[in-house]
């Protein structure tokens, strides 16, 4: 896959979230220069749904460290 800019990743993420409907997406990656980048997309989710989903995802990640 070619290197994508943060803006390109954000655009793809937004389109994918629109296709899913009620969705949130958080994508993080390590760039070739060793820095990290993150994009976040929220589509048609109320704040309570988003906080619950993000908390669950954070717990999943940290429990595997």
Protein backbone atom coordinates (compact mmCIF):
# COMPACT_ATOMS: atom_id res chain seq x y z
CA UNK A 1 0.00 0.00 0.00
CA UNK A 2 1.41 3.41 -0.85
CA UNK A 3 2.19 5.88 1.92
CA UNK A 4 -0.88 8.00 2.54
CA UNK A 5 -0.95 11.45 4.08
CA UNK A 6 -2.90 12.06 7.28
CA UNK A 7 -5.53 13.90 5.21
CA UNK A 8 -5.91 10.96 2.82
CA UNK A 9 -6.30 8.50 5.70
CA UNK A 10 -8.88 10.83 7.30
CA UNK A 11 -10.85 11.05 4.03
CA UNK A 12 -10.88 7.25 3.60
CA UNK A 13 -11.89 6.83 7.24
CA UNK A 14 -14.77 9.29 6.89
CA UNK A 15 -16.06 7.58 3.77
CA UNK A 16 -15.88 4.16 5.43
CA UNK A 17 -17.72 5.46 8.52
CA UNK A 18 -20.45 6.91 6.30
CA UNK A 19 -20.87 3.52 4.64
CA UNK A 20 -21.15 1.82 8.03
CA UNK A 21 -23.67 4.32 9.35
CA UNK A 22 -23.43 4.65 13.13
CA UNK A 23 -19.65 4.34 13.56
CA UNK A 24 -16.46 5.56 15.13
CA UNK A 25 -12.99 4.81 13.82
CA UNK A 26 -9.62 5.50 15.38
CA UNK A 27 -6.58 4.66 13.29
CA UNK A 28 -3.00 5.03 14.44
CA UNK A 29 0.17 4.23 12.54
CA UNK A 30 3.92 4.65 12.68
CA UNK A 31 5.24 6.76 9.83
CA UNK A 32 8.50 6.02 7.97
CA UNK A 33 10.28 8.78 9.91
CA UNK A 34 9.45 6.99 13.20
CA UNK A 35 6.74 9.41 14.37
CA UNK A 36 3.17 8.36 15.11
CA UNK A 37 0.00 9.72 13.59
CA UNK A 38 -3.64 9.21 14.53
CA UNK A 39 -6.96 10.03 12.88
CA UNK A 40 -10.39 9.84 14.44
CA UNK A 41 -13.75 9.73 12.70
CA UNK A 42 -17.18 9.79 14.30
CA UNK A 43 -20.33 9.45 12.20
CA UNK A 44 -23.87 9.59 13.60
CA UNK A 45 -22.97 8.53 17.15
CA UNK A 46 -24.22 10.30 20.22
CA UNK A 47 -21.60 11.24 22.84
CA UNK A 48 -22.57 8.47 25.27
CA UNK A 49 -22.22 5.77 22.57
CA UNK A 50 -18.88 7.20 21.52
CA UNK A 51 -17.47 7.34 25.07
CA UNK A 52 -18.60 3.76 25.77
CA UNK A 53 -17.09 2.48 22.52
CA UNK A 54 -13.82 4.40 22.90
CA UNK A 55 -13.49 3.22 26.53
CA UNK A 56 -14.03 -0.38 25.45
CA UNK A 57 -11.43 -0.03 22.68
CA UNK A 58 -8.90 1.58 25.03
CA UNK A 59 -9.43 -1.23 27.54
CA UNK A 60 -8.92 -3.85 24.82
CA UNK A 61 -5.65 -2.28 23.73
CA UNK A 62 -4.24 -1.70 27.21
CA UNK A 63 -5.17 -5.17 28.44
CA UNK A 64 -2.94 -6.65 25.71
CA UNK A 65 0.16 -4.59 26.57
